[in-house]
PDB file of N, CA and C in Angstrom:
ATOM      1  N   MET A   1       0.715  -1.094  -0.401  1.00  0.00           N
ATOM      2  CA  MET A   1      -0.078   0.207   0.065  1.00  0.00           C
ATOM      3  C   MET A   1       1.204   1.086  -0.066  1.00  0.00           C
ATOM      4  N   THR A   2       0.606   2.365  -0.688  1.00  0.00           N
ATOM      5  CA  THR A   2       1.319   3.240  -0.696  1.00  0.00           C
ATOM      6  C   THR A   2       1.111   4.600   0.343  1.00  0.00           C
ATOM      7  N   ASP A   3       1.965   5.107   0.399  1.00  0.00           N
ATOM      8  CA  ASP A   3       1.809   6.215   1.447  1.00  0.00           C
ATOM      9  C   ASP A   3       1.465   7.637   1.124  1.00  0.00           C
ATOM     10  N   ASP A   4       1.241   7.724  -0.225  1.00  0.00           N
ATOM     11  CA  ASP A   4       0.340   8.866  -1.014  1.00  0.00           C
ATOM     12  C   ASP A   4      -0.840   8.982  -0.381  1.00  0.00           C
ATOM     13  N   PRO A   5      -0.748  10.326   0.097  1.00  0.00           N
ATOM     14  CA  PRO A   5      -2.199  10.695   0.813  1.00  0.00           C
ATOM     15  C   PRO A   5      -3.300  11.270  -0.213  1.00  0.00           C
ATOM     16  N   ALA A   6      -2.844  11.340  -1.479  1.00  0.00           N
ATOM     17  CA  ALA A   6      -3.799  11.458  -2.620  1.00  0.00           C
ATOM     18  C   ALA A   6      -4.461  10.037  -2.801  1.00  0.00           C
ATOM     19  N   SER A   7      -3.923   9.160  -2.763  1.00  0.00           N
ATOM     20  CA  SER A   7      -4.392   7.668  -2.960  1.00  0.00           C
ATOM     21  C   SER A   7      -5.877   7.555  -2.328  1.00  0.00           C
ATOM     22  N   PRO A   8      -6.822   6.796  -2.991  1.00  0.00           N
ATOM     23  CA  PRO A   8      -8.362   6.473  -2.513  1.00  0.00           C
ATOM     24  C   PRO A   8      -8.151   5.479  -1.394  1.00  0.00           C
ATOM     25  N   VAL A   9      -9.136   5.770  -0.574  1.00  0.00           N
ATOM     26  CA  VAL A   9      -9.358   4.658   0.669  1.00  0.00           C
ATOM     27  C   VAL A   9      -9.904   3.580   0.194  1.00  0.00           C
ATOM     28  N   PRO A  10      -9.701   2.321   0.302  1.00  0.00           N
ATOM     29  CA  PRO A  10     -10.235   1.308  -0.315  1.00  0.00           C
ATOM     30  C   PRO A  10     -11.428   1.057   0.450  1.00  0.00           C
ATOM     31  N   PRO A  11     -12.651   0.616   0.020  1.00  0.00           N
ATOM     32  CA  PRO A  11     -14.013   0.690   0.687  1.00  0.00           C
ATOM     33  C   PRO A  11     -13.867  -0.022   1.650  1.00  0.00           C
ATOM     34  N   ARG A  12     -13.178  -1.154   1.957  1.00  0.00           N
ATOM     35  CA  ARG A  12     -13.031  -1.974   3.071  1.00  0.00           C
ATOM     36  C   ARG A  12     -12.658  -1.067   4.648  1.00  0.00           C
ATOM     37  N   ARG A  13     -11.697  -0.022   4.324  1.00  0.00           N
ATOM     38  CA  ARG A  13     -11.320   0.481   5.014  1.00  0.00           C
ATOM     39  C   ARG A  13     -12.271   1.393   5.506  1.00  0.00           C
ATOM     40  N   LEU A  14     -12.864   1.900   4.708  1.00  0.00           N
ATOM     41  CA  LEU A  14     -14.008   2.831   5.211  1.00  0.00           C
ATOM     42  C   LEU A  14     -15.282   2.125   5.891  1.00  0.00           C
ATOM     43  N   GLY A  15     -15.323   0.924   5.506  1.00  0.00           N
ATOM     44  CA  GLY A  15     -16.407   0.286   6.167  1.00  0.00           C
ATOM     45  C   GLY A  15     -15.799   0.035   7.608  1.00  0.00           C
ATOM     46  N   GLU A  16     -14.380  -0.391   7.771  1.00  0.00           N
ATOM     47  CA  GLU A  16     -14.083  -0.470   9.174  1.00  0.00           C
ATOM     48  C   GLU A  16     -14.070   0.995  10.177  1.00  0.00           C
ATOM     49  N   LEU A  17     -13.587   2.010   9.357  1.00  0.00           N
ATOM     50  CA  LEU A  17     -13.645   3.416   9.970  1.00  0.00           C
ATOM     51  C   LEU A  17     -15.347   3.682  10.483  1.00  0.00           C
ATOM     52  N   SER A  18     -16.090   3.304   9.441  1.00  0.00           N
ATOM     53  CA  SER A  18     -17.628   3.262   9.934  1.00  0.00           C
ATOM     54  C   SER A  18     -17.575   2.670  11.396  1.00  0.00           C
ATOM     55  N   ASN A  19     -17.403   1.609  11.124  1.00  0.00           N
ATOM     56  CA  ASN A  19     -17.870   0.503  12.462  1.00  0.00           C
ATOM     57  C   ASN A  19     -17.608   1.059  13.847  1.00  0.00           C
ATOM     58  N   LEU A  20     -16.064   1.309  13.425  1.00  0.00           N
ATOM     59  CA  LEU A  20     -15.684   2.184  14.754  1.00  0.00           C
ATOM     60  C   LEU A  20     -16.227   3.410  15.060  1.00  0.00           C
ATOM     61  N   ALA A  21     -16.538   4.301  14.352  1.00  0.00           N
ATOM     62  CA  ALA A  21     -17.053   5.409  14.330  1.00  0.00           C
ATOM     63  C   ALA A  21     -18.355   5.250  14.912  1.00  0.00           C
ATOM     64  N   ALA A  22     -19.013   3.992  14.699  1.00  0.00           N
ATOM     65  CA  ALA A  22     -20.634   3.789  15.291  1.00  0.00           C
ATOM     66  C   ALA A  22     -20.259   3.505  17.021  1.00  0.00           C
ATOM     67  N   LEU A  23     -19.188   2.403  17.094  1.00  0.00           N
ATOM     68  CA  LEU A  23     -19.223   2.112  18.482  1.00  0.00           C
ATOM     69  C   LEU A  23     -18.713   3.011  19.322  1.00  0.00           C
ATOM     70  N   LEU A  24     -17.863   3.891  18.956  1.00  0.00           N
ATOM     71  CA  LEU A  24     -17.226   5.149  19.928  1.00  0.00           C
ATOM     72  C   LEU A  24     -18.704   6.105  19.846  1.00  0.00           C
ATOM     73  N   ALA A  25     -19.407   6.483  18.929  1.00  0.00           N
ATOM     74  CA  ALA A  25     -20.394   7.415  18.946  1.00  0.00           C
ATOM     75  C   ALA A  25     -21.593   6.781  19.934  1.00  0.00           C
ATOM     76  N   GLU A  26     -21.864   5.523  20.019  1.00  0.00           N
ATOM     77  CA  GLU A  26     -22.967   4.750  20.871  1.00  0.00           C
ATOM     78  C   GLU A  26     -22.436   5.033  22.237  1.00  0.00           C
ATOM     79  N   ARG A  27     -20.872   4.664  22.230  1.00  0.00           N
ATOM     80  CA  ARG A  27     -20.423   4.875  23.831  1.00  0.00           C
ATOM     81  C   ARG A  27     -20.734   6.392  24.220  1.00  0.00           C
ATOM     82  N   VAL A  28     -20.152   7.443  23.135  1.00  0.00           N
ATOM     83  CA  VAL A  28     -20.335   8.550  23.684  1.00  0.00           C
ATOM     84  C   VAL A  28     -21.643   9.157  24.021  1.00  0.00           C
ATOM     85  N   LEU A  29     -22.789   8.615  23.310  1.00  0.00           N
ATOM     86  CA  LEU A  29     -24.073   9.293  23.412  1.00  0.00           C
ATOM     87  C   LEU A  29     -24.748   8.340  24.710  1.00  0.00           C
ATOM     88  N   SER A  30     -24.081   7.250  25.060  1.00  0.00           N
ATOM     89  CA  SER A  30     -24.701   6.389  26.499  1.00  0.00           C
ATOM     90  C   SER A  30     -24.142   7.204  27.437  1.00  0.00           C
ATOM     91  N   GLU A  31     -22.715   7.657  27.292  1.00  0.00           N
ATOM     92  CA  GLU A  31     -22.307   8.465  28.653  1.00  0.00           C
ATOM     93  C   GLU A  31     -22.716   9.742  28.685  1.00  0.00           C
ATOM     94  N   GLN A  32     -23.322  10.565  27.664  1.00  0.00           N
ATOM     95  CA  GLN A  32     -23.864  11.760  27.474  1.00  0.00           C
ATOM     96  C   GLN A  32     -25.323  11.596  28.320  1.00  0.00           C
ATOM     97  N   ASP A  33     -25.994  10.333  28.005  1.00  0.00           N
ATOM     98  CA  ASP A  33     -27.431  10.514  28.536  1.00  0.00           C
ATOM     99  C   ASP A  33     -27.264  10.169  30.015  1.00  0.00           C
ATOM    100  N   ALA A  34     -26.102   9.526  30.434  1.00  0.00           N
ATOM    101  CA  ALA A  34     -26.009   9.295  31.844  1.00  0.00           C
ATOM    102  C   ALA A  34     -25.239  10.163  32.559  1.00  0.00           C
ATOM    103  N   GLY A  35     -25.052  11.402  31.988  1.00  0.00           N
ATOM    104  CA  GLY A  35     -24.401  12.636  32.389  1.00  0.00           C
ATOM    105  C   GLY A  35     -23.058  12.566  32.505  1.00  0.00           C
ATOM    106  N   GLN A  36     -22.532  11.702  32.201  1.00  0.00           N
ATOM    107  CA  GLN A  36     -20.953  11.563  32.470  1.00  0.00           C
ATOM    108  C   GLN A  36     -20.285  12.409  31.539  1.00  0.00           C
ATOM    109  N   SER A  37     -19.042  12.986  31.622  1.00  0.00           N
ATOM    110  CA  SER A  37     -18.295  13.917  31.059  1.00  0.00           C
ATOM    111  C   SER A  37     -17.608  13.355  29.996  1.00  0.00           C
ATOM    112  N   ILE A  38     -17.497  13.712  28.736  1.00  0.00           N
ATOM    113  CA  ILE A  38     -16.992  13.125  27.483  1.00  0.00           C
ATOM    114  C   ILE A  38     -15.461  13.512  27.212  1.00  0.00           C
ATOM    115  N   SER A  39     -14.853  12.581  26.805  1.00  0.00           N
ATOM    116  CA  SER A  39     -13.422  12.884  26.692  1.00  0.00           C
ATOM    117  C   SER A  39     -13.433  13.628  25.362  1.00  0.00           C
ATOM    118  N   GLU A  40     -12.866  14.705  25.539  1.00  0.00           N
ATOM    119  CA  GLU A  40     -12.592  15.537  24.181  1.00  0.00           C
ATOM    120  C   GLU A  40     -11.830  15.079  23.213  1.00  0.00           C
ATOM    121  N   ALA A  41     -10.882  13.839  23.369  1.00  0.00           N
ATOM    122  CA  ALA A  41     -10.234  12.974  22.455  1.00  0.00           C
ATOM    123  C   ALA A  41     -11.590  12.338  21.540  1.00  0.00           C
ATOM    124  N   HIS A  42     -12.513  11.666  22.105  1.00  0.00           N
ATOM    125  CA  HIS A  42     -13.187  11.073  21.503  1.00  0.00           C
ATOM    126  C   HIS A  42     -14.117  12.159  20.761  1.00  0.00           C
ATOM    127  N   ILE A  43     -14.510  13.045  21.003  1.00  0.00           N
ATOM    128  CA  ILE A  43     -15.240  13.977  20.307  1.00  0.00           C
ATOM    129  C   ILE A  43     -14.702  14.219  18.999  1.00  0.00           C
ATOM    130  N   HIS A  44     -13.006  14.932  18.929  1.00  0.00           N
ATOM    131  CA  HIS A  44     -12.202  15.130  17.903  1.00  0.00           C
ATOM    132  C   HIS A  44     -11.987  13.892  17.196  1.00  0.00           C
ATOM    133  N   ALA A  45     -12.138  12.317  17.390  1.00  0.00           N
ATOM    134  CA  ALA A  45     -11.999  11.138  16.779  1.00  0.00           C
ATOM    135  C   ALA A  45     -13.054  11.126  16.271  1.00  0.00           C
ATOM    136  N   LEU A  46     -14.490  11.554  16.588  1.00  0.00           N
ATOM    137  CA  LEU A  46     -15.592  11.436  16.072  1.00  0.00           C
ATOM    138  C   LEU A  46     -15.658  12.368  14.772  1.00  0.00           C
ATOM    139  N   LEU A  47     -15.577  13.420  15.103  1.00  0.00           N
ATOM    140  CA  LEU A  47     -15.644  14.599  14.024  1.00  0.00           C
ATOM    141  C   LEU A  47     -14.582  14.175  12.705  1.00  0.00           C
ATOM    142  N   ASP A  48     -13.530  13.549  13.340  1.00  0.00           N
ATOM    143  CA  ASP A  48     -12.631  13.423  11.997  1.00  0.00           C
ATOM    144  C   ASP A  48     -12.936  12.173  11.342  1.00  0.00           C
ATOM    145  N   ALA A  49     -13.558  11.125  11.806  1.00  0.00           N
ATOM    146  CA  ALA A  49     -14.166  10.144  11.399  1.00  0.00           C
ATOM    147  C   ALA A  49     -15.350  10.679  10.354  1.00  0.00           C
ATOM    148  N   ALA A  50     -16.116  11.532  11.072  1.00  0.00           N
ATOM    149  CA  ALA A  50     -17.162  11.797  10.158  1.00  0.00           C
ATOM    150  C   ALA A  50     -16.856  13.142   8.823  1.00  0.00           C
ATOM    151  N   ILE A  51     -15.670  13.519   9.137  1.00  0.00           N
ATOM    152  CA  ILE A  51     -15.005  14.190   7.790  1.00  0.00           C
ATOM    153  C   ILE A  51     -14.456  13.417   6.797  1.00  0.00           C
ATOM    154  N   LEU A  52     -13.865  12.295   7.302  1.00  0.00           N
ATOM    155  CA  LEU A  52     -13.122  11.353   6.333  1.00  0.00           C
ATOM    156  C   LEU A  52     -14.121  10.773   5.450  1.00  0.00           C
ATOM    157  N   LEU A  53     -15.599  10.096   6.376  1.00  0.00           N
ATOM    158  CA  LEU A  53     -16.550   9.547   5.636  1.00  0.00           C
ATOM    159  C   LEU A  53     -17.296  10.418   4.438  1.00  0.00           C
ATOM    160  N   ASP A  54     -17.626  11.620   4.902  1.00  0.00           N
ATOM    161  CA  ASP A  54     -18.002  12.703   4.297  1.00  0.00           C
ATOM    162  C   ASP A  54     -17.289  12.997   2.897  1.00  0.00           C
ATOM    163  N   LYS A  55     -15.901  13.128   3.387  1.00  0.00           N
ATOM    164  CA  LYS A  55     -14.971  13.679   2.053  1.00  0.00           C
ATOM    165  C   LYS A  55     -14.709  12.192   0.956  1.00  0.00           C
ATOM    166  N   TYR A  56     -15.331  10.963   1.235  1.00  0.00           N
ATOM    167  CA  TYR A  56     -15.251   9.832   0.429  1.00  0.00           C
ATOM    168  C   TYR A  56     -16.653   9.182   0.148  1.00  0.00           C
ATOM    169  N   GLU A  57     -17.796  10.394   0.485  1.00  0.00           N
ATOM    170  CA  GLU A  57     -18.991  10.092   0.180  1.00  0.00           C
ATOM    171  C   GLU A  57     -19.627   8.577   0.793  1.00  0.00           C
ATOM    172  N   ALA A  58     -19.040   8.243   1.793  1.00  0.00           N
ATOM    173  CA  ALA A  58     -19.711   7.173   2.653  1.00  0.00           C
ATOM    174  C   ALA A  58     -20.741   7.785   3.637  1.00  0.00           C
ATOM    175  N   GLU A  59     -21.695   6.819   3.880  1.00  0.00           N
ATOM    176  CA  GLU A  59     -22.838   7.158   4.792  1.00  0.00           C
ATOM    177  C   GLU A  59     -22.421   7.130   6.197  1.00  0.00           C
ATOM    178  N   LEU A  60     -22.692   8.356   6.632  1.00  0.00           N
ATOM    179  CA  LEU A  60     -22.419   8.267   8.393  1.00  0.00           C
ATOM    180  C   LEU A  60     -23.342   7.255   9.148  1.00  0.00           C
ATOM    181  N   PRO A  61     -22.637   6.462  10.043  1.00  0.00           N
ATOM    182  CA  PRO A  61     -23.495   5.552  11.143  1.00  0.00           C
ATOM    183  C   PRO A  61     -24.639   6.617  11.561  1.00  0.00           C
ATOM    184  N   ALA A  62     -25.716   6.242  12.341  1.00  0.00           N
ATOM    185  CA  ALA A  62     -26.960   6.825  12.538  1.00  0.00           C
ATOM    186  C   ALA A  62     -26.287   7.649  13.801  1.00  0.00           C
ATOM    187  N   SER A  63     -25.690   6.928  14.711  1.00  0.00           N
ATOM    188  CA  SER A  63     -25.113   7.022  16.250  1.00  0.00           C
ATOM    189  C   SER A  63     -24.172   8.469  15.542  1.00  0.00           C
ATOM    190  N   LEU A  64     -23.451   8.322  14.889  1.00  0.00           N
ATOM    191  CA  LEU A  64     -22.459   9.334  14.609  1.00  0.00           C
ATOM    192  C   LEU A  64     -23.181  10.368  14.003  1.00  0.00           C
ATOM    193  N   GLN A  65     -24.045  10.588  12.990  1.00  0.00           N
ATOM    194  CA  GLN A  65     -24.964  11.665  12.491  1.00  0.00           C
ATOM    195  C   GLN A  65     -25.653  12.198  13.591  1.00  0.00           C
ATOM    196  N   GLN A  66     -25.979  11.503  14.393  1.00  0.00           N
ATOM    197  CA  GLN A  66     -26.828  12.218  16.033  1.00  0.00           C
ATOM    198  C   GLN A  66     -25.782  13.386  16.362  1.00  0.00           C
ATOM    199  N   ILE A  67     -24.263  12.796  16.617  1.00  0.00           N
ATOM    200  CA  ILE A  67     -23.618  13.532  17.378  1.00  0.00           C
ATOM    201  C   ILE A  67     -23.394  14.791  16.425  1.00  0.00           C
ATOM    202  N   VAL A  68     -23.147  14.666  15.104  1.00  0.00           N
ATOM    203  CA  VAL A  68     -22.850  15.753  14.205  1.00  0.00           C
ATOM    204  C   VAL A  68     -24.022  16.379  14.077  1.00  0.00           C
ATOM    205  N   ASP A  69     -25.231  15.989  14.309  1.00  0.00           N
ATOM    206  CA  ASP A  69     -26.310  17.183  14.252  1.00  0.00           C
ATOM    207  C   ASP A  69     -26.355  17.739  15.692  1.00  0.00           C
ATOM    208  N   GLN A  70     -25.860  17.296  16.841  1.00  0.00           N
ATOM    209  CA  GLN A  70     -25.762  17.912  17.920  1.00  0.00           C
ATOM    210  C   GLN A  70     -24.862  19.204  18.072  1.00  0.00           C
ATOM    211  N   VAL A  71     -23.685  18.735  17.467  1.00  0.00           N
ATOM    212  CA  VAL A  71     -22.517  19.847  17.271  1.00  0.00           C
ATOM    213  C   VAL A  71     -22.779  20.822  16.439  1.00  0.00           C
ATOM    214  N   ASP A  72     -23.680  20.232  15.380  1.00  0.00           N
ATOM    215  CA  ASP A  72     -24.237  21.583  14.149  1.00  0.00           C
ATOM    216  C   ASP A  72     -25.382  22.480  15.265  1.00  0.00           C
ATOM    217  N   GLU A  73     -26.002  21.902  15.674  1.00  0.00           N
ATOM    218  CA  GLU A  73     -27.051  22.789  16.590  1.00  0.00           C
ATOM    219  C   GLU A  73     -26.373  23.471  17.526  1.00  0.00           C
ATOM    220  N   ALA A  74     -25.598  23.135  18.263  1.00  0.00           N
ATOM    221  CA  ALA A  74     -24.746  24.063  19.027  1.00  0.00           C
ATOM    222  C   ALA A  74     -23.976  25.146  18.507  1.00  0.00           C
ATOM    223  N   ARG A  75     -23.492  24.739  17.313  1.00  0.00           N
ATOM    224  CA  ARG A  75     -22.942  25.843  16.494  1.00  0.00           C
ATOM    225  C   ARG A  75     -23.898  26.901  16.232  1.00  0.00           C
ATOM    226  N   ASP A  76     -25.015  26.428  15.953  1.00  0.00           N
ATOM    227  CA  ASP A  76     -25.994  27.521  15.190  1.00  0.00           C
ATOM    228  C   ASP A  76     -26.387  28.423  16.624  1.00  0.00           C
ATOM    229  N   GLU A  77     -26.445  27.902  17.665  1.00  0.00           N
ATOM    230  CA  GLU A  77     -26.776  28.728  18.756  1.00  0.00           C
ATOM    231  C   GLU A  77     -25.966  29.927  19.127  1.00  0.00           C
ATOM    232  N   VAL A  78     -24.442  29.992  18.680  1.00  0.00           N
ATOM    233  CA  VAL A  78     -23.476  30.744  18.917  1.00  0.00           C
ATOM    234  C   VAL A  78     -23.872  31.911  18.301  1.00  0.00           C
ATOM    235  N   GLU A  79     -23.822  33.102  19.321  1.00  0.00           N
ATOM    236  CA  GLU A  79     -24.441  34.612  18.598  1.00  0.00           C
ATOM    237  C   GLU A  79     -23.247  34.988  17.647  1.00  0.00           C
ATOM    238  N   ASP A  80     -23.870  35.788  16.931  1.00  0.00           N
ATOM    239  CA  ASP A  80     -22.833  36.476  16.148  1.00  0.00           C
ATOM    240  C   ASP A  80     -21.706  35.679  15.352  1.00  0.00           C
ATOM    241  N   GLY A  81     -22.021  34.579  15.231  1.00  0.00           N
ATOM    242  CA  GLY A  81     -21.230  33.760  14.281  1.00  0.00           C
ATOM    243  C   GLY A  81     -19.668  33.224  15.279  1.00  0.00           C
ATOM    244  N   ALA A  82     -19.696  33.752  16.529  1.00  0.00           N
ATOM    245  CA  ALA A  82     -18.593  33.494  17.248  1.00  0.00           C
ATOM    246  C   ALA A  82     -18.511  31.788  17.662  1.00  0.00           C
ATOM    247  N   SER A  83     -17.688  31.271  17.379  1.00  0.00           N
ATOM    248  CA  SER A  83     -17.581  29.741  18.064  1.00  0.00           C
ATOM    249  C   SER A  83     -16.124  29.463  18.523  1.00  0.00           C
ATOM    250  N   SER A  84     -16.395  28.614  19.342  1.00  0.00           N
ATOM    251  CA  SER A  84     -14.895  27.640  19.807  1.00  0.00           C
ATOM    252  C   SER A  84     -15.304  26.463  20.218  1.00  0.00           C
ATOM    253  N   LEU A  85     -14.442  25.768  20.303  1.00  0.00           N
ATOM    254  CA  LEU A  85     -14.235  24.389  20.660  1.00  0.00           C
ATOM    255  C   LEU A  85     -15.187  24.167  21.967  1.00  0.00           C
ATOM    256  N   ALA A  86     -14.652  24.826  22.842  1.00  0.00           N
ATOM    257  CA  ALA A  86     -15.755  24.383  24.448  1.00  0.00           C
ATOM    258  C   ALA A  86     -16.945  24.866  23.816  1.00  0.00           C
ATOM    259  N   TRP A  87     -17.505  25.844  23.190  1.00  0.00           N
ATOM    260  CA  TRP A  87     -18.951  25.920  23.060  1.00  0.00           C
ATOM    261  C   TRP A  87     -19.428  24.747  22.234  1.00  0.00           C
ATOM    262  N   LEU A  88     -18.684  24.199  20.934  1.00  0.00           N
ATOM    263  CA  LEU A  88     -19.324  23.129  20.340  1.00  0.00           C
ATOM    264  C   LEU A  88     -19.388  21.788  21.174  1.00  0.00           C
ATOM    265  N   LEU A  89     -18.491  21.453  21.832  1.00  0.00           N
ATOM    266  CA  LEU A  89     -18.301  20.558  22.696  1.00  0.00           C
ATOM    267  C   LEU A  89     -19.333  20.516  24.072  1.00  0.00           C
ATOM    268  N   ARG A  90     -19.938  21.622  24.303  1.00  0.00           N
ATOM    269  CA  ARG A  90     -20.875  21.655  25.169  1.00  0.00           C
ATOM    270  C   ARG A  90     -22.127  20.513  25.603  1.00  0.00           C
ATOM    271  N   PRO A  91     -22.462  20.258  24.397  1.00  0.00           N
ATOM    272  CA  PRO A  91     -23.570  18.867  24.936  1.00  0.00           C
ATOM    273  C   PRO A  91     -23.062  17.729  25.341  1.00  0.00           C
ATOM    274  N   PHE A  92     -21.698  17.461  24.885  1.00  0.00           N
ATOM    275  CA  PHE A  92     -21.132  16.541  25.481  1.00  0.00           C
ATOM    276  C   PHE A  92     -20.417  16.230  26.818  1.00  0.00           C
ATOM    277  N   GLN A  93     -20.207  17.593  27.294  1.00  0.00           N
ATOM    278  CA  GLN A  93     -19.670  17.870  28.416  1.00  0.00           C
ATOM    279  C   GLN A  93     -20.584  17.909  29.795  1.00  0.00           C
ATOM    280  N   GLY A  94     -21.838  17.978  29.485  1.00  0.00           N
ATOM    281  CA  GLY A  94     -22.874  17.873  30.675  1.00  0.00           C
ATOM    282  C   GLY A  94     -23.118  19.632  31.185  1.00  0.00           C
ATOM    283  N   VAL A  95     -22.644  20.295  30.191  1.00  0.00           N
ATOM    284  CA  VAL A  95     -22.745  21.589  30.517  1.00  0.00           C
ATOM    285  C   VAL A  95     -23.794  22.314  30.203  1.00  0.00           C
ATOM    286  N   LYS A  96     -24.641  22.853  30.810  1.00  0.00           N
ATOM    287  CA  LYS A  96     -26.003  23.447  30.468  1.00  0.00           C
ATOM    288  C   LYS A  96     -25.781  25.091  30.249  1.00  0.00           C
ATOM    289  N   GLY A  97     -26.012  25.302  29.011  1.00  0.00           N
ATOM    290  CA  GLY A  97     -25.721  26.758  28.648  1.00  0.00           C
ATOM    291  C   GLY A  97     -27.132  27.654  28.748  1.00  0.00           C
TER     292      GLY A  97
END
């Protein structure tokens, strides 16, 4: 396999990414429902996975789509177009705004 970043990702690898992202997203949603703090690293990993899957036009798993939608909603709530990572992660940190 080549290290060329422009080379296409094999569909098998996208499937693996999708499965792993779904498992992590389900865990994050469970932790969120339980009122537990969510690791910032987990959120970054999920958003990175969503970006990659979108780039290669692969469907997002439902649990990952739910997290992306929550992040989008949180971003839309920011007044005057200002945003920060802390604000975007607010729904997953148990912080009520």
